[in-house]
Amino acid sequence: MASPSKVYIAVIGVGGVGRHCLTQCAHILPKFTNTSLVLITRSNRSLKVPSFSHTLSLPTWEKDLAASTSPTLSPSQVVDFLSSAPGKCILVDNTSNQDVAASYPEFLAKGISVVTPNKKAFSSDLKLWQSIVQSSYPSNLDGGLVYHESSVGAGLPIISTLKDLVETGDEVQKIEGVFSGTMSFLFNSFAPVEGKGGKWSDEVTNAKNAGYTEPDPRDDLNGVDVARKLVILARIVGLQVESTSAFPVQSLIPKELESCTSGDEFMEKLPAHDGEMEKVKNEAESKGKVVRFVGSINVASKEVKVGLGGFDKGHPIASLKGSDNIISFYTKRYGQNPLIVQGAGAGGEVTAMGVTADLIKVLQRIS
């Protein structure tokens, strides 16, 4: 048997997800003796091999990158660098950078595969999504592969499950679930199945202090993160959704606080609006339900929406714990009992797991 061809790997982004990804790669890449890590780049510097006969050290990458005086590389410079490699290449993009996302078609058209959790590439402009599809294999037989499992639900097998359903000819009728670890934690605490729960502003503060929200909680409460994930899934099932502004997205930011100039100001003024969310919770409780923040896609009616919904206390969405995500796929094959994926949908380590698993899949396909 012929030895596998050399595969060259470049990594962009070494923050929370990127650092965990490189730690995981240090365990798995030695098993792929045909791989070579040739570039690590972050926002202010880069580390690359002097020639493609060398490889970067995974055990010492952090120290080596800190000592590097080489400037960061633009996406086009990374394309040029990898295009000169004497073998197949993989780009691992651990950022949420729009400019890097916009460059994916250029990488893919050059035969460079892309592995990423960057949801902006797949949820922003529809033309970018179409260009990524057209530039990658199998639409372009010479194009690179693209895997982005962690763009929805961190390391949960949501995208791969949906693609398997679609590609094997099942008819996906509806997708529904809790797509945000932050919102899951908030509502499981604010409106637990057993009743009671704290004040809304207190629960937002608790979630922020526990690290479940963005530094500015408005970035979670505006619903856009969930909307991006629904755009991705809707496009996979064939809906031509233009953007997150093409369907209803309920924001939990009170209108009076939309003009707050900082997250601290928002948090300071939020308690004055606790009554609004308390009313929503009480209305659900009066019907024997609990309120949750959900997203849904009705494929037949092409309806996508994000917002609050009431669920019977025995419903799987109602009984979530902690920051778990749950996504239900209603299809022709599965009938009235949906295929359900549930588990941790946030966190650097589990997100990196999804990225690393995608990297393994690409290595297995192209080696």
Protein backbone atom coordinates (compact mmCIF):
# COMPACT_ATOMS: atom_id res chain seq x y z
CA MET A 1 0.00 0.00 0.00
CA ALA A 2 1.33 3.43 -0.94
CA SER A 3 2.09 5.77 1.95
CA PRO A 4 -0.46 8.57 2.41
CA SER A 5 0.32 11.92 0.86
CA LYS A 6 1.53 14.74 3.08
CA VAL A 7 -1.19 17.08 4.40
CA TYR A 8 -0.33 20.61 5.56
CA ILE A 9 -2.40 22.31 8.26
CA ALA A 10 -2.76 26.02 9.04
CA VAL A 11 -4.56 27.37 12.11
CA ILE A 12 -6.06 30.85 12.39
CA GLY A 13 -7.17 31.96 15.85
CA VAL A 14 -5.74 30.71 19.15
CA GLY A 15 -8.20 32.20 21.66
CA GLY A 16 -10.47 30.02 23.80
CA VAL A 17 -11.60 27.61 21.08
CA GLY A 18 -8.29 27.78 19.20
CA ARG A 19 -6.22 26.98 22.27
CA HIS A 20 -8.40 23.97 23.14
CA CYS A 21 -8.26 22.85 19.52
CA LEU A 22 -4.45 22.90 19.45
CA THR A 23 -4.35 21.02 22.76
CA GLN A 24 -6.58 18.33 21.27
CA CYS A 25 -4.51 18.29 18.08
CA ALA A 26 -1.40 17.58 20.16
CA HIS A 27 -3.08 14.29 21.13
CA ILE A 28 -4.51 13.24 17.77
CA LEU A 29 -2.14 14.53 15.06
CA PRO A 30 0.74 12.18 16.03
CA LYS A 31 -1.58 9.37 14.91
CA PHE A 32 -1.64 10.95 11.45
CA THR A 33 2.04 10.68 10.61
CA ASN A 34 1.48 12.31 7.22
CA THR A 35 0.43 15.67 8.72
CA SER A 36 2.47 18.80 9.18
CA LEU A 37 1.40 21.92 11.10
CA VAL A 38 2.88 24.75 9.06
CA LEU A 39 1.18 27.95 10.23
CA ILE A 40 -0.38 29.42 13.36
CA THR A 41 -1.62 32.98 13.15
CA ARG A 42 -3.49 35.31 15.49
CA SER A 43 -4.59 38.93 15.29
CA ASN A 44 -1.16 40.42 16.06
CA ARG A 45 1.45 37.88 14.99
CA SER A 46 2.10 34.62 13.17
CA LEU A 47 4.32 31.58 13.32
CA LYS A 48 5.14 29.61 10.20
CA VAL A 49 7.64 27.05 9.04
CA PRO A 50 10.73 28.25 7.14
CA SER A 51 10.00 25.59 4.51
CA PHE A 52 7.46 22.85 3.96
CA SER A 53 9.99 20.23 4.99
CA HIS A 54 9.61 21.51 8.56
CA THR A 55 6.71 21.32 11.01
CA LEU A 56 5.75 23.46 13.97
CA SER A 57 5.96 22.00 17.47
CA LEU A 58 2.56 21.37 19.04
CA PRO A 59 3.97 20.96 22.59
CA THR A 60 5.65 24.40 22.42
CA TRP A 61 3.42 26.33 20.01
CA GLU A 62 2.26 28.87 22.59
CA LYS A 63 5.78 29.82 23.68
CA ASP A 64 7.01 29.84 20.08
CA LEU A 65 4.16 32.07 18.90
CA ALA A 66 4.70 34.50 21.78
CA ALA A 67 8.36 34.78 20.80
CA SER A 68 7.62 35.30 17.10
CA THR A 69 8.18 38.76 15.61
CA SER A 70 6.42 37.93 12.34
CA PRO A 71 3.28 39.99 11.67
CA THR A 72 -0.12 38.40 11.26
CA LEU A 73 -1.12 37.26 7.77
CA SER A 74 -4.17 38.42 5.86
CA PRO A 75 -6.52 35.75 4.48
CA SER A 76 -5.12 36.26 0.96
CA GLN A 77 -1.57 35.83 2.27
CA VAL A 78 -2.59 32.57 3.96
CA VAL A 79 -4.13 31.42 0.66
CA ASP A 80 -0.89 32.21 -1.18
CA PHE A 81 1.22 30.46 1.45
CA LEU A 82 -0.84 27.26 1.45
CA SER A 83 -1.15 27.28 -2.35
CA SER A 84 2.62 26.92 -2.53
CA ALA A 85 2.63 23.76 -0.40
CA PRO A 86 3.66 20.53 -2.19
CA GLY A 87 0.51 18.68 -1.12
CA LYS A 88 -3.04 18.99 0.14
CA CYS A 89 -3.85 21.61 2.76
CA ILE A 90 -6.42 22.27 5.48
CA LEU A 91 -7.30 25.63 6.98
CA VAL A 92 -8.62 25.51 10.56
CA ASP A 93 -10.31 28.84 11.26
CA ASN A 94 -11.16 29.21 14.95
CA THR A 95 -12.21 32.85 14.67
CA SER A 96 -15.53 34.61 14.22
CA ASN A 97 -13.91 37.03 11.78
CA GLN A 98 -16.09 38.12 8.85
CA ASP A 99 -13.11 38.84 6.56
CA VAL A 100 -11.71 35.34 7.06
CA ALA A 101 -15.18 33.88 6.47
CA ALA A 102 -15.54 35.88 3.24
CA SER A 103 -12.29 34.35 1.97
CA TYR A 104 -13.46 30.72 2.21
CA PRO A 105 -14.43 30.50 -1.49
CA GLU A 106 -10.87 31.51 -2.40
CA PHE A 107 -9.39 28.78 -0.19
CA LEU A 108 -11.82 26.15 -1.42
CA ALA A 109 -11.36 27.01 -5.11
CA LYS A 110 -7.62 26.41 -4.62
CA GLY A 111 -8.36 22.93 -3.27
CA ILE A 112 -7.69 23.95 0.36
CA SER A 113 -10.18 22.34 2.76
CA VAL A 114 -11.77 24.45 5.51
CA VAL A 115 -12.69 23.40 9.04
CA THR A 116 -14.34 26.04 11.23
CA PRO A 117 -16.84 26.98 13.93
CA ASN A 118 -17.23 30.44 12.32
CA LYS A 119 -20.98 30.76 11.81
CA LYS A 120 -20.69 34.07 9.96
CA ALA A 121 -19.55 32.29 6.82
CA PHE A 122 -22.74 30.27 6.64
CA SER A 123 -25.33 32.67 8.06
CA SER A 124 -24.53 36.08 6.62
CA ASP A 125 -24.95 37.02 2.96
CA LEU A 126 -26.71 34.30 0.94
CA LYS A 127 -24.33 34.93 -1.95
CA LEU A 128 -21.37 34.01 0.27
CA TRP A 129 -23.10 30.76 1.26
CA GLN A 130 -23.75 29.95 -2.39
CA SER A 131 -20.16 30.78 -3.32
CA ILE A 132 -18.86 28.47 -0.59
CA VAL A 133 -21.06 25.63 -1.85
CA GLN A 134 -20.06 26.20 -5.48
CA SER A 135 -16.34 26.43 -4.66
CA SER A 136 -16.20 23.29 -2.54
CA TYR A 137 -16.39 19.58 -3.28
CA PRO A 138 -18.58 18.04 -4.67
CA SER A 139 -19.94 21.06 -6.61
CA ASN A 140 -16.36 21.76 -7.64
CA LEU A 141 -14.62 18.40 -8.09
CA ASP A 142 -11.24 20.10 -7.62
CA GLY A 143 -12.42 22.12 -4.61
CA GLY A 144 -11.60 21.63 -0.97
CA LEU A 145 -13.93 20.10 1.60
CA VAL A 146 -15.75 22.28 4.11
CA TYR A 147 -16.82 21.12 7.58
CA HIS A 148 -18.46 23.40 10.15
CA GLU A 149 -20.15 21.20 12.74
CA SER A 150 -19.34 23.60 15.57
CA SER A 151 -21.08 26.54 13.92
CA VAL A 152 -24.30 25.21 15.49
CA GLY A 153 -24.40 23.64 18.94
CA ALA A 154 -20.67 23.51 19.69
CA GLY A 155 -19.62 19.85 19.51
CA LEU A 156 -23.12 18.39 19.24
CA PRO A 157 -23.76 16.39 16.02
CA ILE A 158 -26.44 18.72 14.72
CA ILE A 159 -25.19 19.68 11.27
CA SER A 160 -23.89 16.18 10.49
CA THR A 161 -27.20 14.65 11.55
CA LEU A 162 -29.19 17.07 9.42
CA LYS A 163 -26.95 16.52 6.41
CA ASP A 164 -27.29 12.76 6.80
CA LEU A 165 -31.09 13.10 6.81
CA VAL A 166 -31.08 15.35 3.74
CA GLU A 167 -28.48 13.45 1.73
CA THR A 168 -30.13 10.08 2.30
CA GLY A 169 -33.45 11.40 0.98
CA ASP A 170 -35.47 11.87 4.17
CA GLU A 171 -38.05 14.65 4.13
CA VAL A 172 -37.28 17.13 6.90
CA GLN A 173 -40.55 18.74 7.94
CA LYS A 174 -39.65 20.77 11.01
CA ILE A 175 -36.67 21.64 13.19
CA GLU A 176 -37.28 23.00 16.67
CA GLY A 177 -35.21 23.50 19.77
CA VAL A 178 -33.17 25.48 22.24
CA PHE A 179 -30.09 26.59 20.33
CA SER A 180 -28.38 28.79 22.93
CA GLY A 181 -26.57 27.55 26.01
CA THR A 182 -26.95 31.04 27.47
CA MET A 183 -30.71 31.17 26.94
CA SER A 184 -31.07 27.60 28.18
CA PHE A 185 -29.30 28.42 31.44
CA LEU A 186 -31.28 31.63 31.87
CA PHE A 187 -34.74 30.15 31.42
CA ASN A 188 -34.02 26.90 33.26
CA SER A 189 -33.18 29.13 36.25
CA PHE A 190 -35.81 31.82 35.72
CA ALA A 191 -38.74 29.48 35.02
CA PRO A 192 -37.88 25.98 36.29
CA VAL A 193 -40.38 23.18 35.85
CA GLU A 194 -40.87 22.93 39.61
CA GLY A 195 -41.89 26.59 39.78
CA LYS A 196 -40.53 29.71 41.44
CA GLY A 197 -37.22 30.88 39.98
CA GLY A 198 -35.49 34.20 40.58
CA LYS A 199 -36.03 37.68 39.24
CA TRP A 200 -35.11 38.08 35.58
CA SER A 201 -32.36 40.64 36.19
CA ASP A 202 -30.89 38.48 38.96
CA GLU A 203 -30.77 35.46 36.66
CA VAL A 204 -29.10 37.49 33.89
CA THR A 205 -26.53 38.68 36.46
CA ASN A 206 -25.96 35.10 37.65
CA ALA A 207 -25.50 33.88 34.08
CA LYS A 208 -23.05 36.70 33.36
CA ASN A 209 -21.05 36.03 36.52
CA ALA A 210 -20.93 32.32 35.69
CA GLY A 211 -19.50 33.09 32.25
CA TYR A 212 -22.55 31.93 30.29
CA THR A 213 -23.21 35.28 28.61
CA GLU A 214 -21.06 37.50 26.45
CA PRO A 215 -19.33 40.35 28.34
CA ASP A 216 -22.29 42.47 27.20
CA PRO A 217 -25.38 40.27 27.79
CA ARG A 218 -27.29 42.16 25.12
CA ASP A 219 -25.29 40.17 22.55
CA ASP A 220 -27.15 37.08 23.78
CA LEU A 221 -30.51 38.63 24.65
CA ASN A 222 -31.04 40.15 21.18
CA GLY A 223 -31.60 36.65 19.73
CA VAL A 224 -29.24 37.14 16.79
CA ASP A 225 -26.92 34.28 17.77
CA VAL A 226 -29.85 31.84 17.68
CA ALA A 227 -31.05 33.36 14.42
CA ARG A 228 -27.66 32.76 12.79
CA LYS A 229 -27.83 29.07 13.70
CA LEU A 230 -31.33 28.77 12.23
CA VAL A 231 -30.18 30.40 8.98
CA ILE A 232 -27.47 27.75 8.68
CA LEU A 233 -29.86 24.84 9.25
CA ALA A 234 -32.54 26.33 7.00
CA ARG A 235 -30.06 26.66 4.15
CA ILE A 236 -28.91 23.06 4.59
CA VAL A 237 -32.51 21.84 4.13
CA GLY A 238 -32.78 23.95 0.98
CA LEU A 239 -34.47 27.16 2.11
CA GLN A 240 -32.97 30.25 0.48
CA VAL A 241 -32.93 32.42 3.60
CA GLU A 242 -31.30 35.75 2.81
CA SER A 243 -30.15 36.66 6.33
CA THR A 244 -31.18 36.86 9.98
CA SER A 245 -33.31 39.89 9.14
CA ALA A 246 -35.51 37.83 6.79
CA PHE A 247 -37.65 36.36 9.60
CA PRO A 248 -38.99 37.31 13.05
CA VAL A 249 -36.36 37.41 15.81
CA GLN A 250 -37.67 38.36 19.25
CA SER A 251 -35.24 40.45 21.25
CA LEU A 252 -35.39 40.33 25.05
CA ILE A 253 -33.81 43.76 25.33
CA PRO A 254 -36.48 46.22 26.56
CA LYS A 255 -36.99 49.01 24.03
CA GLU A 256 -36.17 51.59 26.67
CA LEU A 257 -32.73 50.01 27.13
CA GLU A 258 -31.77 49.64 23.47
CA SER A 259 -29.96 52.97 23.63
CA CYS A 260 -27.75 52.01 26.59
CA THR A 261 -24.17 52.87 25.76
CA SER A 262 -22.60 49.97 27.65
CA GLY A 263 -23.34 46.57 29.06
CA ASP A 264 -22.85 47.91 32.58
CA GLU A 265 -25.47 50.60 32.03
CA PHE A 266 -27.85 47.97 30.64
CA MET A 267 -27.36 45.70 33.65
CA GLU A 268 -27.86 48.61 36.05
CA LYS A 269 -31.20 49.54 34.49
CA LEU A 270 -32.51 46.02 33.78
CA PRO A 271 -34.14 45.43 37.24
CA ALA A 272 -36.72 48.14 36.47
CA HIS A 273 -38.07 45.85 33.74
CA ASP A 274 -38.30 42.62 35.74
CA GLY A 275 -42.09 42.91 35.78
CA GLU A 276 -42.31 42.43 32.02
CA MET A 277 -40.59 39.03 32.09
CA GLU A 278 -42.41 38.04 35.29
CA LYS A 279 -45.70 38.60 33.46
CA VAL A 280 -44.57 36.33 30.61
CA LYS A 281 -43.59 33.63 33.10
CA ASN A 282 -46.87 33.88 35.02
CA GLU A 283 -48.95 33.70 31.84
CA ALA A 284 -47.22 30.45 30.88
CA GLU A 285 -47.62 29.05 34.41
CA SER A 286 -51.35 29.81 34.36
CA LYS A 287 -51.62 27.41 31.41
CA GLY A 288 -49.50 24.72 33.06
CA LYS A 289 -46.51 25.58 30.91
CA VAL A 290 -43.01 27.01 31.24
CA VAL A 291 -41.51 29.66 29.00
CA ARG A 292 -38.41 28.95 26.94
CA PHE A 293 -36.44 30.79 24.23
CA VAL A 294 -36.59 28.65 21.11
CA GLY A 295 -36.01 28.62 17.40
CA SER A 296 -38.01 26.75 14.78
CA ILE A 297 -38.00 26.04 11.06
CA ASN A 298 -41.16 24.88 9.31
CA VAL A 299 -39.81 23.59 6.04
CA ALA A 300 -43.14 23.21 4.20
CA SER A 301 -44.29 26.76 4.95
CA LYS A 302 -40.71 28.14 4.77
CA GLU A 303 -41.33 29.79 8.13
CA VAL A 304 -38.36 30.52 10.39
CA LYS A 305 -38.74 32.24 13.75
CA VAL A 306 -36.90 32.89 17.00
CA GLY A 307 -38.49 33.87 20.30
CA LEU A 308 -40.34 32.91 23.46
CA GLY A 309 -42.64 29.91 23.55
CA GLY A 310 -44.65 28.05 26.19
CA PHE A 311 -44.12 24.30 26.66
CA ASP A 312 -45.88 21.65 28.72
CA LYS A 313 -43.79 20.68 31.72
CA GLY A 314 -43.33 17.17 30.35
CA HIS A 315 -41.97 18.41 27.02
CA PRO A 316 -38.27 17.66 26.39
CA ILE A 317 -37.59 21.37 25.85
CA ALA A 318 -39.14 22.22 29.23
CA SER A 319 -37.11 19.67 31.16
CA LEU A 320 -33.64 20.75 30.03
CA LYS A 321 -31.01 21.21 32.72
CA GLY A 322 -28.18 23.71 33.01
CA SER A 323 -27.00 25.14 29.70
CA ASP A 324 -27.93 22.16 27.52
CA ASN A 325 -29.16 22.57 23.97
CA ILE A 326 -31.86 20.35 22.48
CA ILE A 327 -32.75 20.12 18.80
CA SER A 328 -35.63 18.02 17.49
CA PHE A 329 -35.75 16.93 13.84
CA TYR A 330 -39.25 16.06 12.65
CA THR A 331 -39.02 14.07 9.41
CA LYS A 332 -41.06 11.71 7.27
CA ARG A 333 -39.00 8.70 8.38
CA TYR A 334 -39.14 9.50 12.09
CA GLY A 335 -42.85 10.35 12.07
CA GLN A 336 -44.35 11.74 15.27
CA ASN A 337 -41.27 10.82 17.33
CA PRO A 338 -38.54 13.26 16.36
CA LEU A 339 -34.85 12.51 16.21
CA ILE A 340 -33.45 14.45 19.18
CA VAL A 341 -29.93 15.72 19.77
CA GLN A 342 -29.25 17.01 23.28
CA GLY A 343 -26.23 18.06 25.31
CA ALA A 344 -23.82 20.86 26.11
CA GLY A 345 -24.14 23.47 23.38
CA ALA A 346 -21.57 25.97 24.60
CA GLY A 347 -18.04 26.11 25.95
CA GLY A 348 -14.57 26.34 24.45
CA GLU A 349 -13.59 22.72 25.03
CA VAL A 350 -16.71 21.12 23.53
CA THR A 351 -16.71 23.60 20.62
CA ALA A 352 -13.06 22.71 19.95
CA MET A 353 -14.01 19.03 20.06
CA GLY A 354 -16.36 19.59 17.15
CA VAL A 355 -13.61 21.40 15.22
CA THR A 356 -11.04 18.71 15.95
CA ALA A 357 -13.47 15.94 15.00
CA ASP A 358 -14.12 17.72 11.69
CA LEU A 359 -10.35 17.97 11.14
CA ILE A 360 -10.08 14.21 11.64
CA LYS A 361 -12.86 13.61 9.10
CA VAL A 362 -11.14 15.76 6.49
CA LEU A 363 -7.79 14.05 7.13
CA GLN A 364 -9.42 10.65 6.69
CA ARG A 365 -11.00 11.73 3.39
CA ILE A 366 -8.06 13.44 1.73
CA SER A 367 -5.08 11.43 3.02
